[in-house]
């Protein structure tokens, strides 16, 4: 049985078939969903190794599926490739650079597909300190298994684990570091402005 599952969520049969054919033979199985609702159910039940998500879908849009996935810490670390025939459709909702997922413009070839998958896998390993803007995480109280908690996520208040204090400490350190970075940026801007005035 395949140990890795790749979920392709696209309402076009041709695209799902194309992805299946382009993927190199290996120890994985390809799951297919024809709409966002079916795709989200697959994500929750199967916990795939990689998600390929079309942005425009019936029943539930790719944007809505994305928000649901980002709301749950155990799902949002699954490598994600968002597909669309128009990049603008995606950038209207999600600003570049895409830090935690990869974008794949349709139509695509085998090389572009493989590269997108590799980049998505690399991006999914990046530590996160906060939820994606627009996600439903803030309104949901989702229990998180201690073994699946990344180092830098917000843990629900009722999650009593030895890791909670460490994670909270890391989050505080990251917030402090971000504040220091912002202060340095401000100082740099002031220095540049000062230099420009002197040059004039």
N, C-alpha and C. Protein backbone atom coordinates (compact mmCIF):
# COMPACT_ATOMS: atom_id res chain seq x y z
N UNK A 1 0.83 -1.20 0.00
CA UNK A 1 0.00 0.00 0.00
C UNK A 1 0.87 1.26 0.00
N UNK A 2 0.43 2.26 -0.74
CA UNK A 2 1.21 3.50 -0.84
C UNK A 2 1.24 4.23 0.49
N UNK A 3 2.42 4.72 0.85
CA UNK A 3 2.55 5.41 2.13
C UNK A 3 2.27 6.90 1.98
N UNK A 4 2.41 7.42 0.76
CA UNK A 4 2.17 8.84 0.52
C UNK A 4 0.93 9.03 -0.34
N UNK A 5 0.08 9.99 0.07
CA UNK A 5 -1.14 10.26 -0.67
C UNK A 5 -1.10 11.70 -1.20
N UNK A 6 -1.33 11.84 -2.49
CA UNK A 6 -1.40 13.16 -3.11
C UNK A 6 -2.86 13.41 -3.47
N UNK A 7 -3.42 14.48 -2.91
CA UNK A 7 -4.82 14.80 -3.17
C UNK A 7 -4.91 15.92 -4.21
N UNK A 8 -5.61 15.63 -5.30
CA UNK A 8 -5.81 16.62 -6.36
C UNK A 8 -7.27 17.07 -6.32
N UNK A 9 -7.49 18.34 -5.97
CA UNK A 9 -8.84 18.89 -5.88
C UNK A 9 -9.05 19.82 -7.07
N UNK A 10 -9.78 19.35 -8.07
CA UNK A 10 -10.04 20.13 -9.28
C UNK A 10 -11.32 19.65 -9.91
N UNK A 11 -12.15 20.58 -10.38
CA UNK A 11 -13.43 20.20 -10.97
C UNK A 11 -13.31 19.73 -12.42
N UNK A 12 -12.09 19.81 -12.98
CA UNK A 12 -11.87 19.37 -14.36
C UNK A 12 -11.20 17.99 -14.37
N UNK A 13 -11.89 17.04 -14.96
CA UNK A 13 -11.36 15.66 -15.03
C UNK A 13 -10.01 15.62 -15.74
N UNK A 14 -9.88 16.42 -16.80
CA UNK A 14 -8.64 16.45 -17.59
C UNK A 14 -7.44 16.85 -16.72
N UNK A 15 -7.63 17.85 -15.87
CA UNK A 15 -6.54 18.32 -15.01
C UNK A 15 -6.15 17.23 -14.01
N UNK A 16 -7.16 16.60 -13.40
CA UNK A 16 -6.86 15.53 -12.42
C UNK A 16 -6.11 14.39 -13.08
N UNK A 17 -6.53 14.03 -14.29
CA UNK A 17 -5.88 12.95 -15.04
C UNK A 17 -4.47 13.34 -15.43
N UNK A 18 -4.32 14.60 -15.85
CA UNK A 18 -3.01 15.13 -16.26
C UNK A 18 -2.00 15.05 -15.12
N UNK A 19 -2.42 15.47 -13.93
CA UNK A 19 -1.54 15.42 -12.76
C UNK A 19 -1.14 13.97 -12.48
N UNK A 20 -2.11 13.08 -12.51
CA UNK A 20 -1.85 11.64 -12.25
C UNK A 20 -0.81 11.10 -13.23
N UNK A 21 -0.94 11.48 -14.51
CA UNK A 21 -0.03 10.97 -15.55
C UNK A 21 1.36 11.59 -15.45
N UNK A 22 1.43 12.85 -15.03
CA UNK A 22 2.72 13.55 -14.97
C UNK A 22 3.57 13.16 -13.77
N UNK A 23 2.93 12.73 -12.71
CA UNK A 23 3.69 12.37 -11.51
C UNK A 23 4.56 11.14 -11.79
N UNK A 24 5.82 11.18 -11.35
CA UNK A 24 6.70 10.03 -11.58
C UNK A 24 6.19 8.82 -10.78
N UNK A 25 6.36 7.61 -11.33
CA UNK A 25 5.92 6.42 -10.59
C UNK A 25 6.67 6.31 -9.28
N UNK A 26 5.95 5.97 -8.24
CA UNK A 26 6.60 5.89 -6.93
C UNK A 26 5.65 5.32 -5.90
N UNK A 27 6.08 5.39 -4.66
CA UNK A 27 5.32 4.79 -3.56
C UNK A 27 4.28 5.78 -3.02
N UNK A 28 3.30 6.10 -3.87
CA UNK A 28 2.22 7.00 -3.44
C UNK A 28 0.95 6.69 -4.23
N UNK A 29 -0.15 7.18 -3.71
CA UNK A 29 -1.41 7.04 -4.45
C UNK A 29 -2.02 8.42 -4.65
N UNK A 30 -2.71 8.60 -5.77
CA UNK A 30 -3.35 9.87 -6.09
C UNK A 30 -4.83 9.79 -5.76
N UNK A 31 -5.28 10.71 -4.91
CA UNK A 31 -6.70 10.81 -4.58
C UNK A 31 -7.28 11.98 -5.38
N UNK A 32 -8.52 11.88 -5.82
CA UNK A 32 -9.13 12.93 -6.62
C UNK A 32 -10.42 13.42 -6.00
N UNK A 33 -10.62 14.74 -6.00
CA UNK A 33 -11.86 15.36 -5.54
C UNK A 33 -12.32 16.35 -6.60
N UNK A 34 -13.62 16.33 -6.92
CA UNK A 34 -14.13 17.17 -8.01
C UNK A 34 -14.71 18.50 -7.55
N UNK A 35 -14.79 18.73 -6.23
CA UNK A 35 -15.24 20.02 -5.71
C UNK A 35 -14.60 20.28 -4.35
N UNK A 36 -14.76 21.51 -3.88
CA UNK A 36 -14.11 21.91 -2.63
C UNK A 36 -14.58 21.14 -1.41
N UNK A 37 -15.88 20.87 -1.35
CA UNK A 37 -16.44 20.17 -0.20
C UNK A 37 -15.89 18.74 -0.11
N UNK A 38 -15.88 18.06 -1.24
CA UNK A 38 -15.34 16.69 -1.28
C UNK A 38 -13.85 16.71 -0.94
N UNK A 39 -13.16 17.73 -1.45
CA UNK A 39 -11.72 17.86 -1.19
C UNK A 39 -11.43 18.05 0.29
N UNK A 40 -12.21 18.93 0.95
CA UNK A 40 -12.00 19.19 2.38
C UNK A 40 -12.26 17.93 3.21
N UNK A 41 -13.28 17.17 2.84
CA UNK A 41 -13.57 15.91 3.54
C UNK A 41 -12.41 14.93 3.39
N UNK A 42 -11.83 14.87 2.19
CA UNK A 42 -10.67 14.01 1.94
C UNK A 42 -9.49 14.45 2.81
N UNK A 43 -9.27 15.76 2.89
CA UNK A 43 -8.15 16.30 3.67
C UNK A 43 -8.28 15.87 5.14
N UNK A 44 -9.49 16.03 5.67
CA UNK A 44 -9.72 15.69 7.09
C UNK A 44 -9.61 14.19 7.35
N UNK A 45 -10.11 13.38 6.42
CA UNK A 45 -10.12 11.93 6.64
C UNK A 45 -8.77 11.27 6.32
N UNK A 46 -8.17 11.69 5.22
CA UNK A 46 -6.99 10.98 4.71
C UNK A 46 -5.66 11.59 5.17
N UNK A 47 -5.67 12.88 5.59
CA UNK A 47 -4.42 13.58 5.95
C UNK A 47 -3.34 13.32 4.88
N UNK A 48 -3.58 13.80 3.64
CA UNK A 48 -2.63 13.51 2.55
C UNK A 48 -1.25 14.09 2.78
N UNK A 49 -0.28 13.58 2.02
CA UNK A 49 1.10 14.07 2.11
C UNK A 49 1.29 15.36 1.34
N UNK A 50 0.37 15.62 0.38
CA UNK A 50 0.44 16.82 -0.44
C UNK A 50 -0.97 17.13 -0.95
N UNK A 51 -1.31 18.43 -0.99
CA UNK A 51 -2.61 18.85 -1.53
C UNK A 51 -2.37 19.73 -2.75
N UNK A 52 -3.05 19.40 -3.86
CA UNK A 52 -3.06 20.25 -5.04
C UNK A 52 -4.47 20.80 -5.15
N UNK A 53 -4.61 22.12 -4.96
CA UNK A 53 -5.92 22.75 -4.80
C UNK A 53 -6.20 23.78 -5.89
N UNK A 54 -7.24 23.51 -6.68
CA UNK A 54 -7.70 24.50 -7.66
C UNK A 54 -8.37 25.63 -6.90
N UNK A 55 -8.18 26.88 -7.36
CA UNK A 55 -8.70 28.02 -6.59
C UNK A 55 -10.18 28.27 -6.85
N UNK A 56 -10.65 27.96 -8.06
CA UNK A 56 -12.06 28.15 -8.41
C UNK A 56 -12.73 26.78 -8.47
N UNK A 57 -13.61 26.51 -7.51
CA UNK A 57 -14.25 25.19 -7.40
C UNK A 57 -15.75 25.34 -7.11
N UNK A 58 -16.56 24.34 -7.52
CA UNK A 58 -17.97 24.35 -7.14
C UNK A 58 -18.17 23.90 -5.68
N UNK A 59 -19.35 24.21 -5.13
CA UNK A 59 -19.77 23.84 -3.77
C UNK A 59 -19.00 24.57 -2.67
N UNK A 60 -17.69 24.59 -2.81
CA UNK A 60 -16.83 25.30 -1.84
C UNK A 60 -15.58 25.72 -2.60
N UNK A 61 -15.30 27.03 -2.61
CA UNK A 61 -14.16 27.52 -3.40
C UNK A 61 -12.83 27.07 -2.82
N UNK A 62 -11.78 27.15 -3.65
CA UNK A 62 -10.44 26.82 -3.18
C UNK A 62 -10.00 27.75 -2.06
N UNK A 63 -10.45 29.01 -2.12
CA UNK A 63 -10.13 29.99 -1.07
C UNK A 63 -10.74 29.56 0.26
N UNK A 64 -11.99 29.07 0.22
CA UNK A 64 -12.65 28.62 1.45
C UNK A 64 -11.99 27.36 2.01
N UNK A 65 -11.60 26.46 1.10
CA UNK A 65 -10.88 25.24 1.53
C UNK A 65 -9.56 25.65 2.18
N UNK A 66 -8.86 26.59 1.55
CA UNK A 66 -7.58 27.09 2.07
C UNK A 66 -7.74 27.63 3.49
N UNK A 67 -8.79 28.44 3.71
CA UNK A 67 -9.04 29.02 5.03
C UNK A 67 -9.30 27.93 6.08
N UNK A 68 -10.08 26.92 5.70
CA UNK A 68 -10.38 25.82 6.63
C UNK A 68 -9.11 25.05 7.00
N UNK A 69 -8.28 24.82 6.00
CA UNK A 69 -7.02 24.09 6.24
C UNK A 69 -6.09 24.90 7.16
N UNK A 70 -5.99 26.20 6.89
CA UNK A 70 -5.11 27.06 7.69
C UNK A 70 -5.60 27.21 9.12
N UNK A 71 -6.88 26.97 9.34
CA UNK A 71 -7.46 27.12 10.68
C UNK A 71 -7.07 25.98 11.61
N UNK A 72 -6.55 24.89 11.04
CA UNK A 72 -6.24 23.72 11.85
C UNK A 72 -4.75 23.39 11.77
N UNK A 73 -4.04 23.57 12.88
CA UNK A 73 -2.58 23.39 12.89
C UNK A 73 -2.11 22.06 12.31
N UNK A 74 -2.87 20.98 12.55
CA UNK A 74 -2.42 19.68 12.06
C UNK A 74 -2.61 19.54 10.55
N UNK A 75 -3.43 20.40 9.94
CA UNK A 75 -3.65 20.34 8.49
C UNK A 75 -2.81 21.37 7.74
N UNK A 76 -2.57 22.53 8.37
CA UNK A 76 -1.91 23.60 7.63
C UNK A 76 -0.44 23.34 7.34
N UNK A 77 0.14 22.31 7.97
CA UNK A 77 1.54 22.00 7.66
C UNK A 77 1.66 20.98 6.52
N UNK A 78 0.53 20.54 5.95
CA UNK A 78 0.56 19.66 4.78
C UNK A 78 1.02 20.50 3.59
N UNK A 79 2.03 20.05 2.83
CA UNK A 79 2.47 20.81 1.65
C UNK A 79 1.29 21.10 0.71
N UNK A 80 1.24 22.34 0.21
CA UNK A 80 0.09 22.78 -0.58
C UNK A 80 0.52 23.47 -1.87
N UNK A 81 -0.09 23.04 -2.98
CA UNK A 81 0.09 23.70 -4.27
C UNK A 81 -1.27 24.24 -4.69
N UNK A 82 -1.37 25.57 -4.83
CA UNK A 82 -2.62 26.18 -5.30
C UNK A 82 -2.52 26.37 -6.81
N UNK A 83 -3.55 25.87 -7.53
CA UNK A 83 -3.57 25.95 -8.99
C UNK A 83 -4.65 26.92 -9.45
N UNK A 84 -4.36 27.64 -10.54
CA UNK A 84 -5.38 28.52 -11.13
C UNK A 84 -4.95 28.91 -12.53
N UNK A 85 -5.94 29.19 -13.38
CA UNK A 85 -5.65 29.68 -14.73
C UNK A 85 -5.32 31.16 -14.73
N UNK A 86 -5.57 31.83 -13.59
CA UNK A 86 -5.27 33.26 -13.46
C UNK A 86 -4.63 33.51 -12.10
N UNK A 87 -3.41 34.00 -12.12
CA UNK A 87 -2.71 34.28 -10.87
C UNK A 87 -3.41 35.40 -10.09
N UNK A 88 -4.04 36.33 -10.82
CA UNK A 88 -4.72 37.45 -10.19
C UNK A 88 -5.85 36.99 -9.27
N UNK A 89 -6.51 35.88 -9.65
CA UNK A 89 -7.58 35.34 -8.80
C UNK A 89 -7.05 34.99 -7.41
N UNK A 90 -5.81 34.53 -7.39
CA UNK A 90 -5.19 34.13 -6.12
C UNK A 90 -4.66 35.35 -5.37
N UNK A 91 -3.97 36.24 -6.09
CA UNK A 91 -3.35 37.40 -5.43
C UNK A 91 -4.39 38.40 -4.90
N UNK A 92 -5.63 38.32 -5.40
CA UNK A 92 -6.69 39.16 -4.84
C UNK A 92 -7.01 38.76 -3.40
N UNK A 93 -6.78 37.50 -3.08
CA UNK A 93 -7.06 36.98 -1.74
C UNK A 93 -5.78 36.82 -0.90
N UNK A 94 -4.70 36.42 -1.57
CA UNK A 94 -3.45 36.11 -0.87
C UNK A 94 -2.31 36.89 -1.53
N UNK A 95 -1.65 37.74 -0.75
CA UNK A 95 -0.59 38.56 -1.32
C UNK A 95 0.72 37.79 -1.48
N UNK A 96 1.47 38.18 -2.48
CA UNK A 96 2.80 37.57 -2.67
C UNK A 96 3.82 38.27 -1.77
N UNK A 97 4.96 37.66 -1.48
CA UNK A 97 5.33 36.30 -1.89
C UNK A 97 4.56 35.24 -1.11
N UNK A 98 4.28 34.14 -1.78
CA UNK A 98 3.55 33.05 -1.13
C UNK A 98 4.53 32.27 -0.25
N UNK A 99 4.45 32.51 1.04
CA UNK A 99 5.48 31.99 1.95
C UNK A 99 5.29 30.52 2.32
N UNK A 100 4.04 30.08 2.48
CA UNK A 100 3.81 28.73 3.01
C UNK A 100 3.21 27.75 2.01
N UNK A 101 2.95 28.21 0.79
CA UNK A 101 2.46 27.30 -0.24
C UNK A 101 3.03 27.73 -1.59
N UNK A 102 2.89 26.87 -2.59
CA UNK A 102 3.39 27.19 -3.93
C UNK A 102 2.21 27.41 -4.88
N UNK A 103 2.39 28.32 -5.82
CA UNK A 103 1.36 28.59 -6.83
C UNK A 103 1.77 27.96 -8.16
N UNK A 104 0.80 27.34 -8.85
CA UNK A 104 1.05 26.71 -10.15
C UNK A 104 0.02 27.23 -11.15
N UNK A 105 0.51 27.91 -12.17
CA UNK A 105 -0.36 28.50 -13.19
C UNK A 105 -0.76 27.44 -14.22
N UNK A 106 -2.05 27.35 -14.51
CA UNK A 106 -2.53 26.44 -15.54
C UNK A 106 -2.50 27.15 -16.90
N UNK A 107 -2.25 26.42 -17.99
CA UNK A 107 -1.83 25.02 -18.04
C UNK A 107 -0.36 24.90 -17.65
N UNK A 108 0.05 23.72 -17.19
CA UNK A 108 1.42 23.51 -16.77
C UNK A 108 1.96 22.22 -17.38
N UNK A 109 3.29 22.11 -17.41
CA UNK A 109 3.91 20.88 -17.91
C UNK A 109 4.47 20.07 -16.74
N UNK A 110 5.05 18.94 -17.07
CA UNK A 110 5.56 18.02 -16.04
C UNK A 110 6.64 18.67 -15.16
N UNK A 111 7.57 19.40 -15.80
CA UNK A 111 8.66 20.05 -15.06
C UNK A 111 8.11 21.07 -14.07
N UNK A 112 7.15 21.89 -14.54
CA UNK A 112 6.54 22.90 -13.66
C UNK A 112 5.80 22.24 -12.48
N UNK A 113 5.14 21.13 -12.77
CA UNK A 113 4.41 20.41 -11.71
C UNK A 113 5.37 19.88 -10.64
N UNK A 114 6.42 19.22 -11.08
CA UNK A 114 7.39 18.63 -10.14
C UNK A 114 8.07 19.74 -9.31
N UNK A 115 8.44 20.85 -9.99
CA UNK A 115 9.08 21.97 -9.27
C UNK A 115 8.15 22.56 -8.22
N UNK A 116 6.86 22.70 -8.59
CA UNK A 116 5.87 23.26 -7.66
C UNK A 116 5.73 22.36 -6.43
N UNK A 117 5.72 21.05 -6.65
CA UNK A 117 5.60 20.11 -5.54
C UNK A 117 6.81 20.20 -4.61
N UNK A 118 8.00 20.27 -5.20
CA UNK A 118 9.23 20.38 -4.40
C UNK A 118 9.23 21.66 -3.56
N UNK A 119 8.85 22.77 -4.19
CA UNK A 119 8.82 24.05 -3.48
C UNK A 119 7.77 24.05 -2.37
N UNK A 120 6.61 23.45 -2.66
CA UNK A 120 5.54 23.36 -1.65
C UNK A 120 6.01 22.57 -0.44
N UNK A 121 6.75 21.50 -0.68
CA UNK A 121 7.24 20.66 0.42
C UNK A 121 8.27 21.43 1.26
N UNK A 122 9.10 22.21 0.59
CA UNK A 122 10.10 23.00 1.32
C UNK A 122 9.42 24.11 2.13
N UNK A 123 8.45 24.78 1.54
CA UNK A 123 7.76 25.89 2.21
C UNK A 123 6.95 25.41 3.41
N UNK A 124 6.42 24.19 3.32
CA UNK A 124 5.58 23.67 4.41
C UNK A 124 6.37 23.44 5.69
N UNK A 125 7.70 23.34 5.56
CA UNK A 125 8.55 23.08 6.73
C UNK A 125 8.92 24.37 7.47
N UNK A 126 8.58 25.53 6.90
CA UNK A 126 8.90 26.80 7.55
C UNK A 126 8.11 26.94 8.85
N UNK A 127 8.77 27.37 9.94
CA UNK A 127 8.04 27.57 11.20
C UNK A 127 7.08 28.74 11.10
N UNK A 128 5.95 28.64 11.79
CA UNK A 128 4.96 29.72 11.77
C UNK A 128 4.67 30.16 13.20
N UNK A 129 4.47 31.46 13.37
CA UNK A 129 4.17 31.97 14.71
C UNK A 129 2.73 32.42 14.84
N UNK A 130 2.03 32.53 13.70
CA UNK A 130 0.65 33.00 13.77
C UNK A 130 -0.15 32.40 12.63
N UNK A 131 -1.47 32.56 12.71
CA UNK A 131 -2.33 32.00 11.69
C UNK A 131 -2.34 32.90 10.46
N UNK A 132 -2.73 32.33 9.33
CA UNK A 132 -2.83 33.09 8.09
C UNK A 132 -3.99 34.08 8.20
N UNK A 133 -3.80 35.35 7.79
CA UNK A 133 -4.90 36.31 7.86
C UNK A 133 -6.12 35.80 7.09
N UNK A 134 -7.28 36.00 7.69
CA UNK A 134 -8.50 35.57 7.01
C UNK A 134 -8.91 34.15 7.33
N UNK A 135 -8.06 33.43 8.05
CA UNK A 135 -8.41 32.05 8.38
C UNK A 135 -9.35 32.03 9.58
N UNK A 136 -9.99 30.89 9.78
CA UNK A 136 -10.99 30.79 10.85
C UNK A 136 -10.38 30.35 12.18
N UNK A 137 -9.05 30.32 12.25
CA UNK A 137 -8.40 29.78 13.45
C UNK A 137 -8.76 30.54 14.71
N UNK A 138 -8.93 31.84 14.56
CA UNK A 138 -9.20 32.66 15.74
C UNK A 138 -10.54 32.34 16.39
N UNK A 139 -11.47 31.82 15.59
CA UNK A 139 -12.82 31.57 16.13
C UNK A 139 -13.03 30.11 16.49
N UNK A 140 -12.04 29.27 16.23
CA UNK A 140 -12.21 27.85 16.52
C UNK A 140 -11.27 27.41 17.62
N UNK A 141 -11.76 26.56 18.50
CA UNK A 141 -10.93 26.04 19.58
C UNK A 141 -10.65 24.58 19.27
N UNK A 142 -9.56 24.34 18.56
CA UNK A 142 -9.28 23.00 18.04
C UNK A 142 -8.21 22.33 18.89
N UNK A 143 -8.49 21.18 19.50
CA UNK A 143 -7.45 20.47 20.25
C UNK A 143 -6.35 19.98 19.32
N UNK A 144 -5.12 20.05 19.77
CA UNK A 144 -4.00 19.66 18.94
C UNK A 144 -3.21 18.54 19.62
N UNK A 145 -2.94 17.49 18.88
CA UNK A 145 -2.15 16.38 19.43
C UNK A 145 -0.73 16.87 19.64
N UNK A 146 -0.17 16.60 20.80
CA UNK A 146 1.16 17.12 21.15
C UNK A 146 2.22 16.64 20.17
N UNK A 147 2.08 15.43 19.67
CA UNK A 147 3.08 14.87 18.76
C UNK A 147 3.08 15.55 17.39
N UNK A 148 1.98 16.28 17.07
CA UNK A 148 1.87 16.89 15.75
C UNK A 148 2.00 18.40 15.80
N UNK A 149 2.38 18.97 16.95
CA UNK A 149 2.43 20.43 17.09
C UNK A 149 3.76 20.95 16.56
N UNK A 150 3.74 21.85 15.52
CA UNK A 150 4.98 22.47 15.08
C UNK A 150 5.50 23.38 16.20
N UNK A 151 6.77 23.81 16.09
CA UNK A 151 7.39 24.56 17.17
C UNK A 151 6.80 25.93 17.41
N UNK A 152 6.17 26.52 16.40
CA UNK A 152 5.75 27.90 16.55
C UNK A 152 4.30 28.12 16.16
N UNK A 153 3.38 27.44 16.83
CA UNK A 153 1.96 27.69 16.59
C UNK A 153 1.29 28.09 17.89
N UNK A 154 0.17 28.77 17.74
CA UNK A 154 -0.61 29.13 18.92
C UNK A 154 -1.37 27.90 19.39
N UNK A 155 -1.23 27.57 20.66
CA UNK A 155 -1.88 26.38 21.22
C UNK A 155 -3.13 26.80 21.99
N UNK A 156 -4.27 26.10 21.81
CA UNK A 156 -5.47 26.44 22.57
C UNK A 156 -5.21 26.46 24.07
N UNK A 157 -5.92 27.33 24.79
CA UNK A 157 -5.71 27.52 26.22
C UNK A 157 -5.95 26.25 27.02
N UNK A 158 -6.87 25.41 26.52
CA UNK A 158 -7.21 24.20 27.29
C UNK A 158 -6.29 23.03 26.96
N UNK A 159 -5.28 23.27 26.13
CA UNK A 159 -4.36 22.18 25.76
C UNK A 159 -3.26 22.08 26.81
N UNK A 160 -3.42 21.18 27.73
CA UNK A 160 -2.46 21.04 28.83
C UNK A 160 -1.36 20.07 28.42
N UNK A 161 -0.25 20.60 27.98
CA UNK A 161 0.87 19.76 27.56
C UNK A 161 2.17 20.43 28.01
N UNK A 162 3.19 19.63 28.19
CA UNK A 162 4.49 20.17 28.59
C UNK A 162 5.06 21.08 27.52
N UNK A 163 4.62 20.88 26.28
CA UNK A 163 5.14 21.69 25.18
C UNK A 163 4.53 23.08 25.16
N UNK A 164 3.39 23.27 25.80
CA UNK A 164 2.66 24.55 25.71
C UNK A 164 3.51 25.73 26.14
N UNK A 165 4.18 25.60 27.30
CA UNK A 165 4.99 26.70 27.83
C UNK A 165 6.14 27.02 26.88
N UNK A 166 6.78 25.98 26.34
CA UNK A 166 7.90 26.18 25.40
C UNK A 166 7.43 26.91 24.15
N UNK A 167 6.30 26.47 23.62
CA UNK A 167 5.77 27.07 22.39
C UNK A 167 5.39 28.52 22.63
N UNK A 168 4.75 28.76 23.76
CA UNK A 168 4.36 30.13 24.10
C UNK A 168 5.59 31.02 24.22
N UNK A 169 6.67 30.48 24.84
CA UNK A 169 7.92 31.22 25.00
C UNK A 169 8.53 31.54 23.64
N UNK A 170 8.49 30.54 22.74
CA UNK A 170 9.02 30.75 21.38
C UNK A 170 8.22 31.82 20.65
N UNK A 171 6.90 31.74 20.79
CA UNK A 171 6.04 32.74 20.15
C UNK A 171 6.38 34.15 20.65
N UNK A 172 6.59 34.28 21.98
CA UNK A 172 6.93 35.58 22.56
C UNK A 172 8.28 36.08 22.03
N UNK A 173 9.24 35.15 21.92
CA UNK A 173 10.56 35.52 21.39
C UNK A 173 10.46 36.01 19.95
N UNK A 174 9.62 35.32 19.16
CA UNK A 174 9.45 35.70 17.76
C UNK A 174 8.80 37.07 17.64
N UNK A 175 7.82 37.34 18.51
CA UNK A 175 7.15 38.64 18.50
C UNK A 175 8.16 39.75 18.85
N UNK A 176 9.02 39.44 19.86
CA UNK A 176 10.04 40.40 20.27
C UNK A 176 11.04 40.65 19.14
N UNK A 177 11.45 39.55 18.46
CA UNK A 177 12.38 39.68 17.35
C UNK A 177 11.79 40.51 16.22
N UNK A 178 10.50 40.27 15.94
CA UNK A 178 9.82 41.01 14.88
C UNK A 178 9.79 42.50 15.21
N UNK A 179 9.56 42.82 16.50
CA UNK A 179 9.53 44.22 16.93
C UNK A 179 10.91 44.85 16.73
N UNK A 180 11.96 44.09 17.06
CA UNK A 180 13.34 44.59 16.89
C UNK A 180 13.65 44.83 15.41
N UNK A 181 13.18 43.89 14.56
CA UNK A 181 13.40 44.02 13.11
C UNK A 181 12.70 45.27 12.58
N UNK A 182 11.44 45.45 13.02
CA UNK A 182 10.68 46.62 12.60
C UNK A 182 11.38 47.92 13.01
N UNK A 183 11.94 47.92 14.25
CA UNK A 183 12.65 49.11 14.75
C UNK A 183 13.89 49.39 13.91
N UNK A 184 14.62 48.32 13.55
CA UNK A 184 15.82 48.47 12.73
C UNK A 184 15.47 49.00 11.34
N UNK A 185 14.36 48.49 10.78
CA UNK A 185 13.91 48.95 9.47
C UNK A 185 13.61 50.45 9.50
N UNK A 186 12.96 50.86 10.59
CA UNK A 186 12.60 52.27 10.75
C UNK A 186 13.86 53.14 10.82
N UNK A 187 14.85 52.65 11.62
CA UNK A 187 16.11 53.39 11.75
C UNK A 187 16.83 53.49 10.39
N UNK A 188 16.80 52.38 9.65
CA UNK A 188 17.46 52.34 8.34
C UNK A 188 16.80 53.34 7.38
N UNK A 189 15.48 53.38 7.43
CA UNK A 189 14.74 54.33 6.58
C UNK A 189 15.14 55.77 6.92
N UNK A 190 15.27 56.04 8.22
CA UNK A 190 15.66 57.39 8.66
C UNK A 190 17.07 57.74 8.18
N UNK A 191 17.97 56.76 8.25
CA UNK A 191 19.36 56.97 7.82
C UNK A 191 19.40 57.25 6.32
N UNK A 192 18.67 56.45 5.55
CA UNK A 192 18.62 56.62 4.09
C UNK A 192 18.07 58.00 3.73
N UNK A 193 16.99 58.38 4.41
CA UNK A 193 16.38 59.70 4.18
C UNK A 193 17.39 60.82 4.48
N UNK A 194 18.12 60.66 5.60
CA UNK A 194 19.13 61.64 6.01
C UNK A 194 20.23 61.76 4.95
N UNK A 195 20.71 60.61 4.46
CA UNK A 195 21.78 60.58 3.46
C UNK A 195 21.31 61.27 2.17
N UNK A 196 20.07 60.95 1.76
CA UNK A 196 19.52 61.55 0.53
C UNK A 196 19.45 63.07 0.65
N UNK A 197 19.08 63.55 1.84
CA UNK A 197 18.99 65.00 2.06
C UNK A 197 20.37 65.65 1.98
N UNK A 198 21.40 64.93 2.52
CA UNK A 198 22.76 65.47 2.48
C UNK A 198 23.31 65.50 1.07
N UNK A 199 22.95 64.49 0.26
CA UNK A 199 23.44 64.42 -1.13
C UNK A 199 22.88 65.58 -1.93
N UNK A 200 21.60 65.92 -1.67
CA UNK A 200 20.98 67.06 -2.35
C UNK A 200 21.73 68.30 -1.96
